[in-house]
Amino acid sequence: MTNQSPFDKQSSPGLSGVKNIIAVASGKGGVGKSTVSANLAVALAQAGHKVGLMDADIYGPSQPGMFGSDNVQPEVINNLLKPKRNHGVDFISMGLLVGDDTPVIWRAPMAMKMIQQFINSVMWGELDYLLIDLPPGTGDVQLTLAQQASLTGAVIVTTPQQVALGIAKKGLKMFEQVKVPIVGIIENMSGFTCSHCGELTEVFKGGGGKEMSESMNIPYLGSLPLDPEIMMAGDNGKPVLVNSKDTPAAKALLALTESFKKSIDDNLANILAVEPTSIDTDKNGKLVIVWPDKHEAIYSPYNLRINCPCASCVDEDTGKKILDDSSVPLDIKISSVNKVGRYGLAIGFSDGHSTGIYIYEKLRSLCECSSCVGEKKEDSFSI
């Protein structure tokens, strides 16, 4: 083992100064996800927060139009992209790098490379919030960001129709499977508010987003009306709150932003309660993790390797261990340790095995310090 720790303390250096990273997602297109992202970002900036927005929709970028950006490409400083700044929000988008009418005709690996550039090679600096406007669906972009961007959580945007709700539910479950907390559900286009009398008319059947949140025990952040003001603001490159804070759409957005901030704070508190405060290796090559309660846990490479949770070591259907412990060298070493999102570690070993993702709850239970080993012996004896 070299003197350098295998733990990559800055697995996403471009995002290392960001306090909260939130994915804004939808199961399908056309539900107003990009509009919600842009308006939420401006609302947070106007509330005094440092805010960034990453347009991760490589094939259909919307944010340059939403923010009224010019056609000048972002500045490059020391091989890093400097994000554009409009309406108090720093943002980056594929739309800033190509012409307005230039299609991006790339295969998925090229698109993934660009997403990684947006993560690692943009000068995001110190931010309170970075919103990531995702493309529709549950594909490579969502998975890459879930594992590499250390998400605080994900917001699901839907419209009231059952088709949209059904697909949004799939997107929600995808984030749950990759251990990304759900910040909440936003129902967009939930009703038309008359600009003259203020009366709300449900153009579509309303309340679907709230019903879904209740059935899945997910916070309901609120709704935004089907309002021409929101549409025109997007077309003009000036989000709603840039023009006024007194319209029905602006008031709905401000209320939504407060719910969003509260849910983010709750999510972050839950994450910090289980996320390690430090991760390193000692002189003997053992992994040392300090947990939020100050407990210093110790892990030998051999014990970690024989408890690998990947599909080649544990049967996915039955949960039964299939790894033969005798096949693991007793002197095996840890070769790499990297954070995966904010829920676990990917650990590589000297035998070439590196596919296991150890979630924090699992790691905590594997601690080999004297007090934890003693507790396990007492539990075994009492049984």
Protein backbone atom coordinates (compact mmCIF):
# COMPACT_ATOMS: atom_id res chain seq x y z
CA MET A 1 0.00 0.00 0.00
CA THR A 2 1.36 3.43 -0.88
CA ASN A 3 1.40 6.35 1.55
CA GLN A 4 -1.41 7.97 -0.45
CA SER A 5 -4.87 7.07 0.81
CA PRO A 6 -6.95 5.15 -1.74
CA PHE A 7 -9.94 7.22 -0.72
CA ASP A 8 -10.66 9.90 -3.29
CA LYS A 9 -11.65 12.78 -1.02
CA GLN A 10 -12.67 14.92 -3.98
CA SER A 11 -14.44 12.42 -6.22
CA SER A 12 -16.29 15.36 -7.82
CA PRO A 13 -13.90 18.35 -7.45
CA GLY A 14 -16.08 20.67 -9.52
CA LEU A 15 -18.90 20.17 -7.03
CA SER A 16 -16.84 20.10 -3.84
CA GLY A 17 -18.04 23.57 -2.80
CA VAL A 18 -21.75 22.84 -3.31
CA LYS A 19 -23.81 22.33 -0.17
CA ASN A 20 -26.95 20.87 -1.77
CA ILE A 21 -27.17 19.16 -5.17
CA ILE A 22 -30.74 18.48 -6.26
CA ALA A 23 -31.89 16.63 -9.36
CA VAL A 24 -35.13 17.92 -10.92
CA ALA A 25 -36.63 14.98 -12.76
CA SER A 26 -39.72 13.74 -14.55
CA GLY A 27 -40.72 10.43 -16.01
CA LYS A 28 -41.76 11.97 -19.31
CA GLY A 29 -41.19 15.10 -21.34
CA GLY A 30 -43.57 18.02 -21.63
CA VAL A 31 -44.46 18.37 -17.96
CA GLY A 32 -42.55 21.64 -17.47
CA LYS A 33 -39.53 20.26 -15.64
CA SER A 34 -37.12 22.79 -17.17
CA THR A 35 -39.54 25.64 -16.44
CA VAL A 36 -39.80 24.54 -12.80
CA SER A 37 -35.99 24.23 -12.55
CA ALA A 38 -35.36 27.72 -13.90
CA ASN A 39 -38.01 29.40 -11.75
CA LEU A 40 -36.96 27.55 -8.59
CA ALA A 41 -33.35 28.60 -9.19
CA VAL A 42 -34.29 32.27 -9.56
CA ALA A 43 -36.57 32.12 -6.50
CA LEU A 44 -33.73 30.70 -4.40
CA ALA A 45 -31.29 33.32 -5.72
CA GLN A 46 -33.73 36.13 -4.93
CA ALA A 47 -34.01 34.73 -1.39
CA GLY A 48 -30.29 35.43 -0.95
CA HIS A 49 -28.82 32.01 -1.74
CA LYS A 50 -25.90 31.21 -4.05
CA VAL A 51 -27.47 29.11 -6.79
CA GLY A 52 -26.30 27.18 -9.83
CA LEU A 53 -28.20 25.26 -12.49
CA MET A 54 -26.83 22.42 -14.62
CA ASP A 55 -28.80 21.68 -17.78
CA ALA A 56 -28.18 17.93 -18.09
CA ASP A 57 -30.51 17.48 -21.04
CA ILE A 58 -27.74 17.12 -23.63
CA TYR A 59 -30.04 16.47 -26.59
CA GLY A 60 -32.73 19.02 -25.78
CA PRO A 61 -31.24 21.85 -23.70
CA SER A 62 -33.77 24.48 -22.61
CA GLN A 63 -32.04 26.66 -20.04
CA PRO A 64 -30.28 29.15 -22.36
CA GLY A 65 -33.72 30.14 -23.66
CA MET A 66 -35.25 30.19 -20.18
CA PHE A 67 -32.53 32.56 -18.95
CA GLY A 68 -32.37 34.73 -22.06
CA SER A 69 -28.72 33.96 -22.66
CA ASP A 70 -26.77 35.41 -25.56
CA ASN A 71 -25.00 33.19 -28.07
CA VAL A 72 -21.53 33.83 -26.65
CA GLN A 73 -19.89 30.62 -25.48
CA PRO A 74 -18.78 30.28 -21.84
CA GLU A 75 -15.30 31.47 -20.97
CA VAL A 76 -12.61 28.80 -20.42
CA ILE A 77 -10.15 29.46 -17.58
CA ASN A 78 -7.37 26.93 -16.86
CA ASN A 79 -9.27 24.25 -18.81
CA LEU A 80 -12.40 24.86 -16.73
CA LEU A 81 -15.68 26.24 -18.02
CA LYS A 82 -16.95 29.37 -16.31
CA PRO A 83 -20.76 29.15 -16.09
CA LYS A 84 -22.95 31.90 -17.46
CA ARG A 85 -24.70 34.15 -14.94
CA ASN A 86 -28.19 35.52 -15.56
CA HIS A 87 -30.84 36.65 -13.06
CA GLY A 88 -28.51 35.79 -10.16
CA VAL A 89 -28.05 32.15 -11.23
CA ASP A 90 -24.86 30.51 -12.55
CA PHE A 91 -25.77 27.96 -15.22
CA ILE A 92 -24.21 25.71 -17.82
CA SER A 93 -25.87 23.98 -20.75
CA MET A 94 -25.04 22.15 -23.95
CA GLY A 95 -27.11 24.88 -25.57
CA LEU A 96 -24.34 27.35 -24.70
CA LEU A 97 -21.75 25.26 -26.53
CA VAL A 98 -23.59 24.69 -29.83
CA GLY A 99 -25.74 26.89 -32.03
CA ASP A 100 -29.46 27.40 -31.45
CA ASP A 101 -30.40 25.21 -34.42
CA THR A 102 -27.51 22.72 -34.20
CA PRO A 103 -28.65 19.21 -33.22
CA VAL A 104 -26.50 17.11 -30.89
CA ILE A 105 -26.18 13.78 -32.69
CA TRP A 106 -24.17 11.75 -30.21
CA ARG A 107 -24.27 8.22 -28.94
CA ALA A 108 -24.76 7.71 -25.20
CA PRO A 109 -21.02 7.42 -24.27
CA MET A 110 -20.35 10.89 -25.72
CA ALA A 111 -23.32 12.36 -23.85
CA MET A 112 -22.04 10.77 -20.63
CA LYS A 113 -18.63 12.35 -21.20
CA MET A 114 -20.26 15.76 -21.43
CA ILE A 115 -22.20 15.16 -18.20
CA GLN A 116 -18.92 14.27 -16.48
CA GLN A 117 -17.43 17.49 -17.85
CA PHE A 118 -20.33 19.42 -16.34
CA ILE A 119 -19.65 17.70 -13.01
CA ASN A 120 -15.86 17.94 -12.89
CA SER A 121 -14.80 20.74 -15.23
CA VAL A 122 -17.12 23.64 -14.47
CA MET A 123 -16.16 26.40 -12.01
CA TRP A 124 -19.20 26.03 -9.77
CA GLY A 125 -17.46 27.46 -6.72
CA GLU A 126 -19.29 27.84 -3.41
CA LEU A 127 -23.03 27.28 -3.84
CA ASP A 128 -25.92 26.75 -1.46
CA TYR A 129 -27.93 24.95 -4.14
CA LEU A 130 -27.12 23.38 -7.49
CA LEU A 131 -30.23 22.30 -9.39
CA ILE A 132 -29.75 19.71 -12.13
CA ASP A 133 -32.36 19.82 -14.89
CA LEU A 134 -32.45 16.19 -16.01
CA PRO A 135 -33.68 14.83 -19.34
CA PRO A 136 -36.90 12.77 -19.23
CA GLY A 137 -36.73 9.09 -18.40
CA THR A 138 -34.58 6.82 -16.23
CA GLY A 139 -31.46 6.26 -18.30
CA ASP A 140 -27.69 6.73 -18.24
CA VAL A 141 -27.71 10.42 -17.32
CA GLN A 142 -29.83 9.83 -14.21
CA LEU A 143 -27.68 6.90 -13.10
CA THR A 144 -24.41 8.76 -13.69
CA LEU A 145 -25.53 11.76 -11.68
CA ALA A 146 -26.96 9.63 -8.87
CA GLN A 147 -23.60 7.91 -8.42
CA GLN A 148 -21.17 10.76 -9.13
CA ALA A 149 -22.83 14.02 -8.07
CA SER A 150 -23.47 13.34 -4.35
CA LEU A 151 -27.13 14.30 -4.60
CA THR A 152 -28.92 15.65 -1.55
CA GLY A 153 -32.12 14.49 -3.20
CA ALA A 154 -34.40 14.54 -6.22
CA VAL A 155 -37.55 16.50 -7.01
CA ILE A 156 -40.17 14.82 -9.19
CA VAL A 157 -42.23 17.08 -11.49
CA THR A 158 -45.51 15.80 -12.89
CA THR A 159 -48.79 17.03 -14.33
CA PRO A 160 -52.18 15.88 -13.02
CA GLN A 161 -52.98 13.39 -15.80
CA GLN A 162 -52.81 9.71 -14.91
CA VAL A 163 -50.40 8.94 -17.77
CA ALA A 164 -47.91 11.52 -16.49
CA LEU A 165 -48.36 10.40 -12.90
CA GLY A 166 -47.76 6.75 -13.79
CA ILE A 167 -44.50 7.55 -15.57
CA ALA A 168 -43.42 9.98 -12.84
CA LYS A 169 -43.86 7.16 -10.33
CA LYS A 170 -41.35 5.06 -12.29
CA GLY A 171 -38.84 7.89 -12.14
CA LEU A 172 -39.42 8.23 -8.41
CA LYS A 173 -38.84 4.52 -7.83
CA MET A 174 -35.64 4.66 -9.89
CA PHE A 175 -34.16 7.23 -7.52
CA GLU A 176 -35.25 5.16 -4.53
CA GLN A 177 -33.45 2.13 -5.98
CA VAL A 178 -30.18 4.07 -6.30
CA LYS A 179 -30.57 5.40 -2.75
CA VAL A 180 -31.28 9.02 -3.67
CA PRO A 181 -33.77 10.60 -1.22
CA ILE A 182 -36.90 12.13 -2.73
CA VAL A 183 -37.19 15.80 -1.78
CA GLY A 184 -40.80 15.92 -2.91
CA ILE A 185 -43.32 16.03 -5.71
CA ILE A 186 -44.36 19.15 -7.62
CA GLU A 187 -47.58 19.20 -9.62
CA ASN A 188 -47.25 21.51 -12.60
CA MET A 189 -50.11 22.84 -14.75
CA SER A 190 -52.53 21.90 -11.97
CA GLY A 191 -55.17 24.47 -12.89
CA PHE A 192 -55.78 27.71 -14.75
CA THR A 193 -55.95 30.89 -12.64
CA CYS A 194 -57.99 33.72 -14.17
CA SER A 195 -55.90 36.91 -14.25
CA HIS A 196 -59.05 39.04 -13.75
CA CYS A 197 -60.98 37.32 -10.95
CA GLY A 198 -58.35 34.96 -9.57
CA GLU A 199 -60.64 31.92 -9.84
CA LEU A 200 -58.94 28.56 -10.32
CA THR A 201 -60.30 26.28 -13.03
CA GLU A 202 -59.06 22.70 -13.21
CA VAL A 203 -58.29 22.24 -16.90
CA PHE A 204 -57.08 18.74 -16.11
CA LYS A 205 -58.14 16.64 -13.14
CA GLY A 206 -56.26 18.17 -10.22
CA GLY A 207 -54.70 16.73 -7.09
CA GLY A 208 -52.95 13.78 -8.70
CA GLY A 209 -49.52 14.83 -7.48
CA LYS A 210 -50.74 15.19 -3.91
CA GLU A 211 -52.48 11.82 -4.04
CA MET A 212 -49.28 10.19 -5.31
CA SER A 213 -47.23 11.81 -2.54
CA GLU A 214 -49.64 10.53 0.10
CA SER A 215 -49.76 7.01 -1.32
CA MET A 216 -45.96 6.79 -1.49
CA ASN A 217 -45.27 8.73 1.73
CA ILE A 218 -43.32 11.41 -0.16
CA PRO A 219 -43.50 15.15 0.67
CA TYR A 220 -45.84 17.18 -1.52
CA LEU A 221 -44.10 20.48 -2.22
CA GLY A 222 -47.00 22.20 -3.94
CA SER A 223 -48.37 23.06 -7.35
CA LEU A 224 -47.91 25.61 -10.10
CA PRO A 225 -50.85 26.84 -12.17
CA LEU A 226 -51.30 26.56 -15.92
CA ASP A 227 -50.60 30.23 -16.46
CA PRO A 228 -49.77 32.13 -19.68
CA GLU A 229 -47.44 34.31 -17.60
CA ILE A 230 -45.15 31.34 -16.94
CA MET A 231 -45.09 30.40 -20.61
CA MET A 232 -44.37 33.95 -21.77
CA ALA A 233 -41.68 34.41 -19.13
CA GLY A 234 -39.89 31.34 -20.46
CA ASP A 235 -40.17 32.53 -24.05
CA ASN A 236 -38.85 35.98 -23.10
CA GLY A 237 -35.90 34.62 -21.14
CA LYS A 238 -37.10 36.25 -17.90
CA PRO A 239 -38.41 33.81 -15.27
CA VAL A 240 -41.63 34.80 -13.51
CA LEU A 241 -40.11 36.40 -10.40
CA VAL A 242 -37.88 38.67 -12.48
CA ASN A 243 -41.00 40.52 -13.62
CA SER A 244 -43.22 40.48 -10.51
CA LYS A 245 -43.81 38.82 -7.15
CA ASP A 246 -47.51 39.70 -6.90
CA THR A 247 -49.10 37.60 -9.64
CA PRO A 248 -50.82 34.25 -8.88
CA ALA A 249 -48.00 32.36 -10.60
CA ALA A 250 -45.33 34.24 -8.63
CA LYS A 251 -47.09 33.67 -5.31
CA ALA A 252 -47.48 29.95 -6.06
CA LEU A 253 -43.79 29.76 -6.91
CA LEU A 254 -42.72 31.52 -3.70
CA ALA A 255 -44.82 29.14 -1.61
CA LEU A 256 -43.36 26.18 -3.50
CA THR A 257 -39.83 27.43 -2.88
CA GLU A 258 -40.37 27.59 0.89
CA SER A 259 -41.62 23.97 0.92
CA PHE A 260 -38.67 22.97 -1.23
CA LYS A 261 -36.13 24.58 1.13
CA LYS A 262 -37.64 22.95 4.21
CA SER A 263 -37.62 19.51 2.63
CA ILE A 264 -34.03 19.97 1.48
CA ASP A 265 -32.97 20.90 5.02
CA ASP A 266 -34.72 17.79 6.39
CA ASN A 267 -33.06 15.57 3.77
CA LEU A 268 -29.62 17.01 4.42
CA ALA A 269 -30.00 16.46 8.16
CA ASN A 270 -30.92 12.80 7.54
CA ILE A 271 -27.92 12.34 5.24
CA LEU A 272 -25.47 13.95 7.67
CA ALA A 273 -26.75 11.66 10.43
CA VAL A 274 -25.34 8.58 8.62
CA GLU A 275 -22.65 9.97 6.28
CA PRO A 276 -19.05 9.43 7.51
CA THR A 277 -17.18 12.49 8.70
CA SER A 278 -13.84 11.03 7.60
CA ILE A 279 -12.60 8.04 5.63
CA ASP A 280 -8.96 6.94 5.40
CA THR A 281 -6.59 4.01 5.72
CA ASP A 282 -4.15 3.35 8.55
CA LYS A 283 -0.51 2.24 8.29
CA ASN A 284 -1.63 -1.43 8.21
CA GLY A 285 -3.87 -0.87 5.20
CA LYS A 286 -7.11 -1.09 7.18
CA LEU A 287 -10.01 1.19 6.32
CA VAL A 288 -10.82 3.66 9.11
CA ILE A 289 -14.16 5.46 9.11
CA VAL A 290 -15.32 8.01 11.65
CA TRP A 291 -19.11 8.11 11.84
CA PRO A 292 -21.24 11.13 12.84
CA ASP A 293 -21.55 9.86 16.43
CA LYS A 294 -17.69 10.00 16.65
CA HIS A 295 -17.39 6.21 16.55
CA GLU A 296 -14.11 5.22 14.86
CA ALA A 297 -14.72 2.03 12.90
CA ILE A 298 -11.96 -0.26 11.61
CA TYR A 299 -12.23 -2.63 8.66
CA SER A 300 -9.71 -5.19 7.43
CA PRO A 301 -9.45 -5.65 3.66
CA TYR A 302 -10.16 -9.38 3.96
CA ASN A 303 -13.38 -8.92 5.94
CA LEU A 304 -14.61 -6.25 3.54
CA ARG A 305 -13.85 -8.43 0.53
CA ILE A 306 -15.67 -11.53 1.83
CA ASN A 307 -18.68 -9.34 2.65
CA CYS A 308 -18.87 -7.76 -0.81
CA PRO A 309 -22.55 -7.19 -1.68
CA CYS A 310 -22.21 -7.20 -5.49
CA ALA A 311 -24.18 -9.55 -7.76
CA SER A 312 -21.18 -11.82 -8.37
CA CYS A 313 -20.74 -12.37 -4.62
CA VAL A 314 -24.39 -12.45 -3.48
CA ASP A 315 -27.35 -13.92 -5.38
CA GLU A 316 -29.64 -11.00 -6.29
CA ASP A 317 -32.83 -13.06 -6.04
CA THR A 318 -32.25 -15.03 -2.84
CA GLY A 319 -29.71 -12.83 -1.05
CA LYS A 320 -27.61 -15.95 -0.48
CA LYS A 321 -23.86 -15.55 -0.46
CA ILE A 322 -22.19 -17.26 -3.43
CA LEU A 323 -18.62 -16.09 -2.90
CA ASP A 324 -16.26 -18.83 -1.69
CA ASP A 325 -14.31 -17.19 1.15
CA SER A 326 -11.39 -19.56 0.60
CA SER A 327 -10.86 -18.03 -2.84
CA VAL A 328 -9.97 -14.67 -1.27
CA PRO A 329 -6.28 -14.21 -0.38
CA LEU A 330 -5.72 -13.56 3.31
CA ASP A 331 -3.26 -10.78 2.49
CA ILE A 332 -5.64 -8.98 0.11
CA LYS A 333 -5.31 -5.20 0.10
CA ILE A 334 -7.59 -2.24 -0.57
CA SER A 335 -6.64 -0.56 -3.83
CA SER A 336 -9.28 2.16 -4.09
CA VAL A 337 -12.14 3.71 -2.16
CA ASN A 338 -14.59 6.13 -3.77
CA LYS A 339 -17.83 7.68 -2.65
CA VAL A 340 -20.95 6.62 -4.53
CA GLY A 341 -23.54 9.38 -4.27
CA ARG A 342 -24.13 10.11 -0.61
CA TYR A 343 -25.09 6.61 0.41
CA GLY A 344 -22.09 4.34 0.12
CA LEU A 345 -18.55 3.47 -0.96
CA ALA A 346 -17.20 1.61 -3.97
CA ILE A 347 -14.19 -0.39 -2.78
CA GLY A 348 -11.59 -1.94 -5.06
CA PHE A 349 -9.22 -4.72 -4.00
CA SER A 350 -5.83 -6.03 -5.03
CA ASP A 351 -7.41 -9.16 -6.55
CA GLY A 352 -9.00 -6.91 -9.19
CA HIS A 353 -12.51 -7.02 -7.72
CA SER A 354 -14.16 -3.57 -7.62
CA THR A 355 -17.89 -3.96 -8.30
CA GLY A 356 -19.17 -3.89 -4.74
CA ILE A 357 -21.01 -0.83 -3.41
CA TYR A 358 -21.11 -0.84 0.38
CA ILE A 359 -24.01 1.26 1.66
CA TYR A 360 -23.25 3.06 4.91
CA GLU A 361 -25.70 1.05 7.00
CA LYS A 362 -23.99 -2.16 5.85
CA LEU A 363 -20.53 -0.75 6.53
CA ARG A 364 -21.46 0.30 10.04
CA SER A 365 -22.52 -3.27 10.84
CA LEU A 366 -19.17 -4.67 9.63
CA CYS A 367 -17.04 -2.67 12.08
CA GLU A 368 -14.21 -4.75 13.59
CA CYS A 369 -13.21 -2.49 16.48
CA SER A 370 -12.96 -4.16 19.89
CA SER A 371 -16.21 -2.70 21.24
CA CYS A 372 -18.26 -3.74 18.19
CA VAL A 373 -16.74 -7.23 18.09
CA GLY A 374 -17.51 -7.57 21.80
CA GLU A 375 -21.14 -6.55 21.26
CA LYS A 376 -21.50 -9.12 18.48
CA LYS A 377 -20.13 -11.86 20.76
CA GLU A 378 -22.57 -10.89 23.51
CA ASP A 379 -25.49 -10.94 21.05
CA SER A 380 -24.40 -14.34 19.79
CA PHE A 381 -24.10 -15.66 23.35
CA SER A 382 -27.55 -14.37 24.33
CA ILE A 383 -29.12 -16.09 21.31
